[in-house]
Protein backbone atom coordinates (compact mmCIF):
# COMPACT_ATOMS: atom_id res chain seq x y z
CA MET A 1 -0.97 72.20 53.45
CA LYS A 2 -0.15 73.91 50.14
CA GLN A 3 0.39 77.21 51.95
CA TYR A 4 2.82 75.53 54.37
CA THR A 5 4.73 73.91 51.47
CA ALA A 6 4.97 77.24 49.65
CA PHE A 7 6.14 78.99 52.82
CA LYS A 8 8.80 76.31 53.44
CA GLN A 9 10.05 76.50 49.84
CA GLY A 10 10.20 80.29 50.11
CA LEU A 11 12.36 80.12 53.24
CA ASP A 12 14.65 77.55 51.61
CA SER A 13 15.12 79.76 48.55
CA ILE A 14 16.01 82.74 50.74
CA PHE A 15 18.80 80.84 52.46
CA VAL A 16 20.16 79.45 49.19
CA GLU A 17 20.89 83.00 48.09
CA GLN A 18 22.65 83.99 51.30
CA SER A 19 26.38 84.48 51.62
CA ALA A 20 28.78 81.86 52.91
CA LEU A 21 28.81 83.69 56.25
CA ALA A 22 25.03 83.35 56.58
CA GLN A 23 25.29 79.67 55.68
CA GLN A 24 27.91 79.10 58.39
CA ALA A 25 25.74 81.02 60.85
CA CYS A 26 22.86 78.61 60.19
CA TYR A 27 25.06 75.57 60.76
CA ALA A 28 26.42 77.08 63.97
CA ILE A 29 22.96 78.05 65.25
CA GLY A 30 21.59 74.58 64.47
CA ILE A 31 24.36 72.78 66.37
CA ILE A 32 24.77 75.22 69.27
CA LEU A 33 21.07 75.81 69.89
CA SER A 34 20.32 72.07 69.84
CA LYS A 35 22.99 71.44 72.45
CA ALA A 36 21.91 74.46 74.50
CA ILE A 37 18.28 73.27 74.66
CA SER A 38 19.43 69.83 75.80
CA LEU A 39 21.57 71.40 78.53
CA PHE A 40 18.69 73.58 79.76
CA LEU A 41 16.57 70.42 80.00
CA LEU A 42 19.22 68.68 82.12
CA PRO A 43 18.09 69.78 85.64
CA PHE A 44 14.52 68.66 84.91
CA VAL A 45 15.65 65.25 83.58
CA ALA A 46 18.04 64.66 86.49
CA GLY A 47 15.42 65.70 89.04
CA GLN A 48 12.65 63.53 87.58
CA LEU A 49 14.78 60.42 87.06
CA GLY A 50 16.74 60.49 90.32
CA LEU A 51 20.46 59.89 90.66
CA ILE A 52 20.48 56.13 90.04
CA GLU A 53 18.39 56.25 86.86
CA PHE A 54 20.23 59.36 85.65
CA ALA A 55 23.55 57.51 86.03
CA ARG A 56 22.08 54.61 84.03
CA LEU A 57 20.94 57.05 81.32
CA GLU A 58 24.44 58.50 81.00
CA THR A 59 25.93 55.00 80.70
CA ILE A 60 23.45 54.09 77.96
CA ILE A 61 24.25 57.32 76.10
CA ALA A 62 27.97 56.53 76.33
CA LEU A 63 27.34 53.05 74.88
CA LEU A 64 25.21 54.51 72.08
CA ASN A 65 27.93 57.03 71.21
CA GLY A 66 30.43 54.22 70.84
CA ALA A 67 28.03 52.12 68.75
CA ALA A 68 27.26 55.10 66.48
CA ILE A 69 30.92 55.14 65.39
CA VAL A 70 30.54 51.60 64.03
CA VAL A 71 27.19 52.34 62.37
CA SER A 72 28.46 55.50 60.64
CA PHE A 73 31.55 53.57 59.41
CA GLY A 74 33.28 56.73 58.25
CA MET A 75 30.57 57.38 55.64
CA VAL A 76 30.66 61.14 56.16
CA ASN A 77 34.42 61.24 55.53
CA LEU A 78 34.00 59.07 52.43
CA LEU A 79 31.22 61.37 51.22
CA TYR A 80 33.40 64.48 51.54
CA ARG A 81 36.33 62.75 49.84
CA GLN A 82 34.58 60.95 46.97
CA ALA A 83 31.86 63.49 46.19
CA GLY A 84 34.37 66.33 46.50
CA GLU A 85 36.57 64.70 43.84
CA ALA A 86 33.69 64.13 41.39
CA LYS A 87 34.21 65.77 38.00
CA ASP A 88 30.63 66.85 37.40
CA ARG A 89 27.22 67.06 39.05
CA SER A 90 25.90 63.78 37.64
CA ALA A 91 28.99 61.86 38.80
CA LYS A 92 28.63 63.39 42.25
CA LYS A 93 24.98 62.31 42.44
CA ARG A 94 25.88 58.74 41.47
CA ILE A 95 28.52 58.62 44.19
CA VAL A 96 26.16 60.06 46.80
CA ALA A 97 23.32 57.71 45.78
CA SER A 98 25.67 54.74 46.11
CA LEU A 99 26.94 55.90 49.53
CA PHE A 100 23.36 56.48 50.68
CA GLY A 101 22.41 52.94 49.67
CA THR A 102 25.49 51.59 51.43
CA THR A 103 24.55 53.51 54.59
CA LEU A 104 21.06 51.99 54.55
CA CYS A 105 22.58 48.51 54.12
CA ILE A 106 25.06 48.97 56.98
CA ALA A 107 22.30 50.26 59.28
CA ALA A 108 20.12 47.26 58.38
CA LEU A 109 22.99 44.77 58.79
CA ILE A 110 24.05 46.09 62.20
CA GLY A 111 20.48 46.44 63.44
CA GLY A 112 19.63 42.95 62.20
CA GLY A 113 22.82 41.59 63.75
CA VAL A 114 21.85 42.93 67.17
CA PHE A 115 18.36 41.43 66.92
CA LEU A 116 19.71 38.04 65.80
CA SER A 117 22.22 38.00 68.64
CA PHE A 118 19.68 39.29 71.17
CA SER A 119 20.18 36.39 73.56
CA ILE A 120 23.93 37.13 73.66
CA SER A 121 24.03 40.95 73.44
CA LEU A 122 21.46 41.63 76.19
CA PRO A 123 23.32 39.69 78.94
CA LEU A 124 26.62 41.27 77.85
CA ILE A 125 25.23 44.80 78.11
CA ASN A 126 23.63 43.97 81.46
CA GLN A 127 27.09 43.29 82.82
CA ILE A 128 27.81 46.99 82.19
CA THR A 129 24.46 48.55 83.08
CA PRO A 130 20.92 47.22 83.67
CA LEU A 131 18.96 47.22 80.39
CA SER A 132 15.58 45.66 79.63
CA ALA A 133 14.75 43.92 76.35
CA SER A 134 12.48 46.79 75.24
CA GLU A 135 15.20 49.32 76.04
CA LEU A 136 17.73 47.37 73.95
CA ILE A 137 15.29 47.34 71.02
CA LEU A 138 14.84 51.12 71.30
CA CYS A 139 18.61 51.65 71.54
CA THR A 140 19.21 49.44 68.48
CA LEU A 141 16.70 51.41 66.40
CA ILE A 142 18.19 54.73 67.53
CA MET A 143 21.70 53.49 66.72
CA SER A 144 20.65 52.28 63.25
CA LEU A 145 19.20 55.69 62.37
CA GLU A 146 22.26 57.70 63.43
CA GLY A 147 24.41 56.65 60.46
CA ILE A 148 21.65 57.59 58.01
CA ILE A 149 21.05 60.95 59.67
CA GLY A 150 24.78 61.75 59.75
CA LEU A 151 25.24 61.12 56.02
CA CYS A 152 22.15 63.12 55.04
CA LEU A 153 23.23 66.09 57.18
CA ALA A 154 26.70 66.01 55.61
CA TRP A 155 25.14 66.07 52.14
CA LEU A 156 23.03 69.08 53.15
CA ARG A 157 26.24 70.91 54.03
CA MET A 158 27.81 69.99 50.70
CA GLU A 159 24.69 71.26 48.91
CA GLU A 160 24.73 74.42 51.07
CA LYS A 161 21.17 73.75 52.24
CA ALA A 162 21.75 75.60 55.49
CA PHE A 163 18.14 76.28 56.39
CA ILE A 164 17.07 72.64 55.92
CA PHE A 165 20.00 71.67 58.17
CA LEU A 166 18.92 74.20 60.80
CA ARG A 167 15.26 73.16 60.62
CA SER A 168 16.12 69.48 60.88
CA MET A 169 18.36 69.91 63.92
CA LEU A 170 15.92 72.14 65.80
CA MET A 171 12.89 70.00 64.95
CA ARG A 172 14.55 66.89 66.39
CA THR A 173 15.61 68.73 69.54
CA LEU A 174 12.21 70.33 70.12
CA VAL A 175 10.29 67.07 69.54
CA TYR A 176 12.57 65.23 71.95
CA SER A 177 12.32 68.00 74.55
CA LEU A 178 8.53 68.17 74.34
CA LEU A 179 8.09 64.40 74.64
CA THR A 180 10.62 64.27 77.48
CA VAL A 181 8.83 66.93 79.52
CA ILE A 182 5.43 65.29 78.98
CA GLY A 183 6.64 61.74 79.63
CA LEU A 184 8.68 62.46 82.74
CA SER A 185 5.93 64.68 84.16
CA LEU A 186 3.58 61.70 83.87
CA GLY A 187 6.15 59.45 85.55
CA TYR A 188 7.07 57.18 82.62
CA GLY A 189 10.82 57.14 83.37
CA LEU A 190 13.93 56.23 81.40
CA THR A 191 12.29 53.85 78.92
CA PHE A 192 10.04 56.66 77.73
CA LEU A 193 13.12 58.89 77.32
CA LEU A 194 14.56 56.35 74.89
CA PHE A 195 11.21 56.24 73.09
CA ALA A 196 11.23 60.05 72.85
CA SER A 197 14.72 59.93 71.38
CA LEU A 198 13.64 57.31 68.83
CA ALA A 199 10.53 59.29 67.86
CA ALA A 200 12.58 62.47 67.34
CA SER A 201 15.19 60.54 65.33
CA LEU A 202 12.50 58.93 63.16
CA ILE A 203 10.93 62.30 62.35
CA GLN A 204 14.32 63.79 61.46
CA ALA A 205 15.37 60.72 59.46
CA SER A 206 12.08 60.67 57.52
CA GLU A 207 12.48 64.27 56.36
CA LEU A 208 16.15 63.80 55.51
CA ILE A 209 15.56 60.54 53.61
CA VAL A 210 12.81 62.15 51.52
CA HIS A 211 15.12 65.05 50.67
CA GLN A 212 17.99 62.66 49.93
CA LEU A 213 15.87 60.59 47.54
CA LYS A 214 14.79 63.74 45.69
CA SER A 215 18.32 65.12 45.59
CA SER A 216 20.47 62.12 44.69
CA GLY A 217 18.31 59.01 44.68
CA VAL A 218 19.60 55.73 46.04
CA ARG A 219 21.70 52.93 44.55
CA PHE A 220 22.34 49.53 46.10
CA ASP A 221 25.68 48.28 44.85
CA ALA A 222 27.49 45.27 46.34
CA LYS A 223 30.85 46.56 45.08
CA ALA A 224 30.27 49.94 46.73
CA LEU A 225 29.36 48.21 49.99
CA TRP A 226 32.56 46.15 49.90
CA HIS A 227 34.58 49.28 48.99
CA THR A 228 33.14 51.09 52.01
CA LEU A 229 33.89 48.19 54.35
CA GLN A 230 37.43 48.10 52.97
CA TYR A 231 38.21 51.81 53.14
CA GLY A 232 35.95 52.92 56.00
CA TRP A 233 37.70 51.11 58.84
CA PRO A 234 40.50 53.75 59.28
CA PHE A 235 37.78 56.33 59.97
CA VAL A 236 36.16 53.95 62.46
CA LEU A 237 39.54 53.54 64.14
CA SER A 238 39.99 57.33 64.34
CA GLY A 239 36.47 57.66 65.70
CA PHE A 240 37.18 55.12 68.42
CA ALA A 241 40.37 57.02 69.31
CA MET A 242 38.29 60.16 69.91
CA TYR A 243 35.69 58.13 71.80
CA ALA A 244 38.41 56.58 73.97
CA SER A 245 39.69 60.02 74.98
CA GLN A 246 36.19 61.28 75.89
CA GLY A 247 33.16 59.05 76.42
CA MET A 248 34.52 55.58 77.09
CA GLU A 249 35.42 56.40 80.69
CA VAL A 250 31.72 56.64 81.63
CA VAL A 251 31.22 52.99 80.67
CA ILE A 252 34.24 51.96 82.77
CA LEU A 253 33.24 54.16 85.71
CA ALA A 254 29.85 52.44 85.78
CA GLN A 255 31.70 49.25 86.82
CA TYR A 256 33.72 50.77 89.66
CA THR A 257 31.76 53.68 91.18
CA SER A 258 28.39 54.17 92.83
CA PRO A 259 25.50 55.54 90.74
CA GLU A 260 25.49 58.70 92.87
CA LEU A 261 29.17 59.37 92.16
CA LEU A 262 28.71 58.57 88.47
CA ALA A 263 25.77 60.99 88.31
CA ALA A 264 27.90 63.73 89.88
CA TYR A 265 30.67 63.03 87.36
CA ALA A 266 28.14 63.13 84.49
CA ILE A 267 26.88 66.54 85.65
CA ALA A 268 30.49 67.79 85.83
CA ILE A 269 30.93 66.60 82.23
CA LYS A 270 27.84 68.59 81.20
CA PHE A 271 29.27 71.78 82.71
CA PHE A 272 32.56 71.03 80.98
CA LEU A 273 30.62 70.78 77.69
CA ILE A 274 29.03 74.18 78.38
CA ALA A 275 32.53 75.67 78.41
CA ALA A 276 33.27 73.95 75.09
CA LEU A 277 29.97 75.24 73.70
CA CYS A 278 30.92 78.81 74.64
CA ASN A 279 34.04 78.48 72.48
CA GLN A 280 32.16 77.36 69.38
CA PRO A 281 31.30 80.76 67.82
CA TYR A 282 34.96 81.84 67.76
CA LEU A 283 36.22 78.42 66.67
CA LEU A 284 33.74 78.14 63.80
CA TRP A 285 34.90 81.54 62.57
CA TRP A 286 38.61 80.86 63.13
CA TYR A 287 38.70 77.36 61.62
CA ALA A 288 37.28 78.76 58.38
CA ARG A 289 39.65 81.74 58.52
CA ARG A 290 42.94 80.06 59.43
CA MET A 291 43.49 78.37 56.04
CA ASN A 292 43.35 81.74 54.28
CA VAL A 293 45.80 83.17 56.80
CA LEU A 294 48.21 80.23 56.46
CA SER A 295 48.25 80.56 52.67
CA ASN A 296 49.75 84.06 53.03
CA PRO A 297 53.40 83.90 54.25
CA HIS A 298 53.18 87.52 55.44
CA ALA A 299 50.20 86.76 57.69
CA LEU A 300 51.72 83.95 59.78
CA ARG A 301 52.02 86.25 62.80
CA SER A 302 48.28 86.90 62.54
CA ALA A 303 47.72 83.14 62.49
CA GLY A 304 49.61 82.79 65.77
CA THR A 305 47.63 85.66 67.27
CA GLY A 306 44.29 84.17 66.22
CA ALA A 307 45.20 80.82 67.76
CA THR A 308 46.37 82.45 71.00
CA LEU A 309 43.17 84.47 71.32
CA GLY A 310 41.27 81.19 70.93
CA VAL A 311 43.23 79.71 73.84
CA LEU A 312 42.46 82.75 76.00
CA ILE A 313 38.76 82.51 75.12
CA ALA A 314 38.86 78.83 76.15
CA MET A 315 40.45 79.82 79.48
CA ALA A 316 37.88 82.56 80.01
CA SER A 317 34.98 80.23 79.16
CA SER A 318 36.25 77.64 81.63
CA LEU A 319 36.59 80.29 84.33
CA LEU A 320 33.06 81.57 83.67
CA VAL A 321 31.64 78.04 83.94
CA TRP A 322 33.51 77.44 87.19
CA LEU A 323 32.27 80.75 88.63
CA TRP A 324 28.61 79.84 88.08
CA SER A 325 28.68 76.05 88.46
CA GLU A 326 28.42 75.84 92.27
CA TRP A 327 25.56 78.34 92.38
CA LEU A 328 23.70 76.50 89.61
CA ILE A 329 24.27 73.02 91.09
CA LEU A 330 23.06 74.14 94.54
CA HIS A 331 19.82 75.57 93.17
CA LEU A 332 19.02 73.22 90.27
CA PHE A 333 20.19 69.73 91.27
CA ASP A 334 20.08 67.22 94.11
CA PRO A 335 22.52 68.17 96.93
CA ALA A 336 24.48 64.95 96.28
CA ILE A 337 25.45 66.35 92.85
CA LEU A 338 27.60 68.98 94.62
CA GLN A 339 30.41 66.41 94.47
CA ALA A 340 30.71 67.46 90.83
CA MET A 341 32.57 70.57 92.04
CA ASN A 342 35.48 68.31 93.04
CA PHE A 343 35.74 67.00 89.46
CA LEU A 344 34.96 70.09 87.41
CA PRO A 345 38.29 71.99 87.77
CA TRP A 346 40.22 69.00 86.39
CA LEU A 347 37.80 68.57 83.50
CA LEU A 348 38.01 72.27 82.66
CA ALA A 349 41.82 72.13 82.78
CA ALA A 350 41.80 69.14 80.41
CA GLY A 351 39.38 71.02 78.15
CA VAL A 352 41.68 74.04 77.94
CA LEU A 353 44.64 71.77 77.12
CA LYS A 354 42.56 70.04 74.44
CA GLN A 355 41.58 73.37 72.89
CA TRP A 356 45.16 74.56 73.15
CA GLY A 357 46.35 71.54 71.18
CA ALA A 358 43.63 72.04 68.55
CA LEU A 359 44.64 75.69 68.06
CA TYR A 360 48.44 75.42 68.27
CA ASN A 361 48.66 72.82 65.49
CA LEU A 362 48.65 75.29 62.60
CA GLY A 363 51.77 73.80 61.03
CA CYS A 364 49.94 70.51 60.50
CA PHE A 365 47.49 72.28 58.20
CA SER A 366 50.23 73.72 55.99
CA SER A 367 50.74 70.26 54.49
CA GLU A 368 48.23 68.06 52.65
CA ASN A 369 49.49 65.05 54.60
CA SER A 370 47.04 64.51 57.47
CA ARG A 371 48.62 61.29 58.74
CA ILE A 372 50.58 63.14 61.44
CA GLN A 373 47.37 64.40 63.03
CA MET A 374 45.85 60.92 62.79
CA TYR A 375 48.87 59.38 64.53
CA ILE A 376 48.70 61.93 67.36
CA GLU A 377 44.97 61.35 67.87
CA LEU A 378 45.45 57.58 67.73
CA GLY A 379 48.28 57.84 70.26
CA THR A 380 46.08 59.89 72.59
CA GLY A 381 43.25 57.38 72.25
CA ALA A 382 45.58 54.42 72.84
CA PHE A 383 46.92 56.06 76.01
CA CYS A 384 43.36 56.51 77.30
CA VAL A 385 42.39 52.92 76.40
CA ILE A 386 45.30 51.64 78.49
CA CYS A 387 45.08 54.09 81.41
CA PHE A 388 41.32 54.43 81.94
CA PRO A 389 40.72 50.80 83.06
CA VAL A 390 43.89 50.67 85.17
CA LEU A 391 43.53 54.02 86.95
CA ILE A 392 39.75 53.93 87.31
CA SER A 393 39.89 50.48 88.93
CA SER A 394 42.40 51.86 91.47
CA TYR A 395 41.35 55.49 91.97
CA GLY A 396 37.80 55.74 90.62
CA VAL A 397 36.76 59.11 89.18
CA HIS A 398 40.10 60.69 90.09
CA GLY A 399 41.83 58.06 87.95
CA ALA A 400 39.69 59.14 84.99
CA LEU A 401 40.49 62.81 85.65
CA LEU A 402 44.22 62.12 85.87
CA THR A 403 44.09 60.26 82.55
CA PHE A 404 42.21 63.16 80.96
CA VAL A 405 44.73 65.79 82.01
CA ILE A 406 47.86 63.76 81.16
CA SER A 407 46.49 62.65 77.76
CA GLN A 408 45.57 66.18 76.71
CA LEU A 409 48.88 67.57 77.97
CA GLY A 410 50.75 64.95 75.93
CA ARG A 411 48.60 65.73 72.90
CA LEU A 412 49.38 69.45 73.23
CA VAL A 413 53.13 68.81 73.49
CA ALA A 414 53.05 66.50 70.46
CA TYR A 415 51.11 68.98 68.34
CA TRP A 416 53.38 71.84 69.43
CA PHE A 417 56.65 70.17 68.44
CA VAL A 418 55.36 68.56 65.24
CA SER A 419 53.56 71.71 64.09
CA GLN A 420 56.54 73.97 64.75
CA HIS A 421 58.82 71.51 62.95
CA VAL A 422 56.60 71.54 59.84
CA LEU A 423 55.98 75.30 59.85
CA TYR A 424 57.46 77.64 62.44
CA ILE A 425 54.95 80.19 63.72
CA ALA A 426 55.86 82.90 66.22
CA TYR A 427 52.99 82.59 68.68
CA PRO A 428 52.60 85.70 70.89
CA LEU A 429 53.47 83.97 74.16
CA GLY A 430 53.62 87.35 75.89
CA LEU A 431 49.93 87.85 75.09
CA LEU A 432 49.19 84.34 76.36
CA VAL A 433 51.04 84.88 79.65
CA LYS A 434 49.47 88.32 80.15
CA GLY A 435 45.98 86.96 79.53
CA ALA A 436 46.51 83.92 81.78
CA LEU A 437 47.86 86.08 84.62
CA GLY A 438 44.86 88.40 84.37
CA LEU A 439 42.39 85.52 84.50
CA THR A 440 44.28 83.92 87.39
CA SER A 441 44.12 87.21 89.30
CA ILE A 442 40.36 87.38 88.78
CA LEU A 443 40.07 83.80 90.06
CA LEU A 444 42.13 84.48 93.20
CA ILE A 445 40.30 87.72 93.99
CA THR A 446 36.97 85.91 93.56
CA LEU A 447 38.00 83.13 95.95
CA MET A 448 39.23 85.57 98.61
CA THR A 449 36.15 87.79 98.30
CA SER A 450 33.74 84.87 98.51
CA THR A 451 35.53 83.36 101.52
CA THR A 452 35.66 86.70 103.36
CA LEU A 453 31.99 87.52 102.75
CA ASN A 454 30.83 84.06 103.84
CA THR A 455 32.88 84.43 107.04
CA VAL A 456 31.61 87.91 107.89
CA ILE A 457 27.98 87.37 106.87
CA THR A 458 26.72 84.26 108.67
CA ASN A 459 23.05 84.68 107.75
CA THR A 460 22.25 81.88 105.28
CA LYS A 461 19.52 84.01 103.68
CA PHE A 462 22.23 86.17 102.12
CA THR A 463 24.27 83.22 100.78
CA PHE A 464 22.27 83.16 97.55
CA TRP A 465 22.93 86.83 96.82
CA ILE A 466 26.58 86.65 97.89
CA MET A 467 27.34 83.81 95.49
CA PHE A 468 25.32 85.42 92.70
CA SER A 469 26.89 88.88 93.10
CA VAL A 470 30.46 87.58 93.31
CA ALA A 471 30.00 85.37 90.25
CA LEU A 472 28.41 88.22 88.29
CA CYS A 473 31.15 90.74 89.10
CA ALA A 474 33.90 88.21 88.32
CA SER A 475 32.21 87.30 85.02
CA ILE A 476 32.04 90.93 83.95
CA ALA A 477 35.72 91.41 84.86
CA CYS A 478 36.63 88.28 82.91
CA LEU A 479 34.77 89.36 79.78
CA VAL A 480 36.16 92.90 79.92
CA TRP A 481 39.71 91.54 80.25
CA VAL A 482 39.40 89.22 77.24
CA VAL A 483 37.81 91.93 75.09
CA LYS A 484 40.57 94.36 76.08
CA LEU A 485 43.23 91.84 75.08
CA GLY A 486 41.62 90.99 71.75
CA ARG A 487 40.51 94.44 70.58
CA PRO A 488 43.95 95.59 69.24
CA TYR A 489 44.07 92.53 66.96
CA ALA A 490 40.48 92.67 65.66
CA LYS A 491 41.42 94.33 62.36
CA THR A 492 44.55 92.26 61.71
CA LEU A 493 42.97 88.78 61.75
């Protein structure tokens, strides 16, 4: 035990001495690898649960994501703001200890509130999706822990404890994955999945709470709790706006579509998230870099170029996901999931528009006033809150897809005009058009080649290799094209 403790302390000390780049790499690896492991586990989970139970799982996850916004109550944002403004280390620790105590109180209050209103909350949730009493208890405990975990992870980032962050994220993911594989293999089903999630969360929370107590301690202050409730609601509102634009539609779809169709939509969402995950390495680098570029008036052209390359990478990632999605769905999932291919192009298009808006809003970051961004995000969320129920009730999944695309297009237009009004940046639209035309050409050639080969070669034994070969060649062409476009600007960013 002593040898393990010494080894762990040695690793922590190594990462403390690393550069800011190494720290950021640890954060990126922790987040990306955790998501990647969960995605690799997806075919096994979907296959073991079946379509109906998998659809129920996705609905429960969507409900938990919405509840987590209330539990967190903007504590991470308050931590960054208040601790960042502290004048010295001792003042910062007092603030963090008070926020940690407040987080524990909020988690206890919300968890206790659910248990006290059990006879009311369980029937209400069952109107959305079937949920047993034991499953509601597990969900409540998971939800209560999320706010605590979120605050502790944010404090690790402020302390630059990158390795502890990485270890914590991977440990939770690996514990959950191991328990999931064992439980589903033994036929325990969805309830055991929730238990696995709770067990992994408890292990992560235990380690983080111990570290938090050693680092800052804990203070229970009624005034601090009231202050948080008073000033945290705008962050909750912003969180719900983001949830409304991505996540809430699953809960509404559960009321109007069959479980099989909802499962196909959920799988399409997962592939859409893979495309977003592929963009993360560049975005993590660019988001840290763009503020330095914006502070130099002579480097504004480079800022526009960096943002445009990010848009092209988002387009390329979406194309790569589309190229491989049909092949992967056919060989990894139930045949009924193939309906996801009807939804995926629209989700990928909405994802590109969303990334486009996030990258072409550089002017908004040239000012310390962040209210403009908040208003745009709130407007996008309000549009989705209104349109999702109306369009989904009339058109089902296609109503949700239409809302996605229109909301992200409107968000992009709003960010473009507001950002350019605040700070004009000459974005290289020629580079954008050239890159988009190249990727479109690859897409069209791929479609024609695949159609021709499937017509000429009728032997189904070769279908596997045809789809694989076409997707591989198109992927290589896509990557080569993006690298060729970005190489001339590598030294100027």
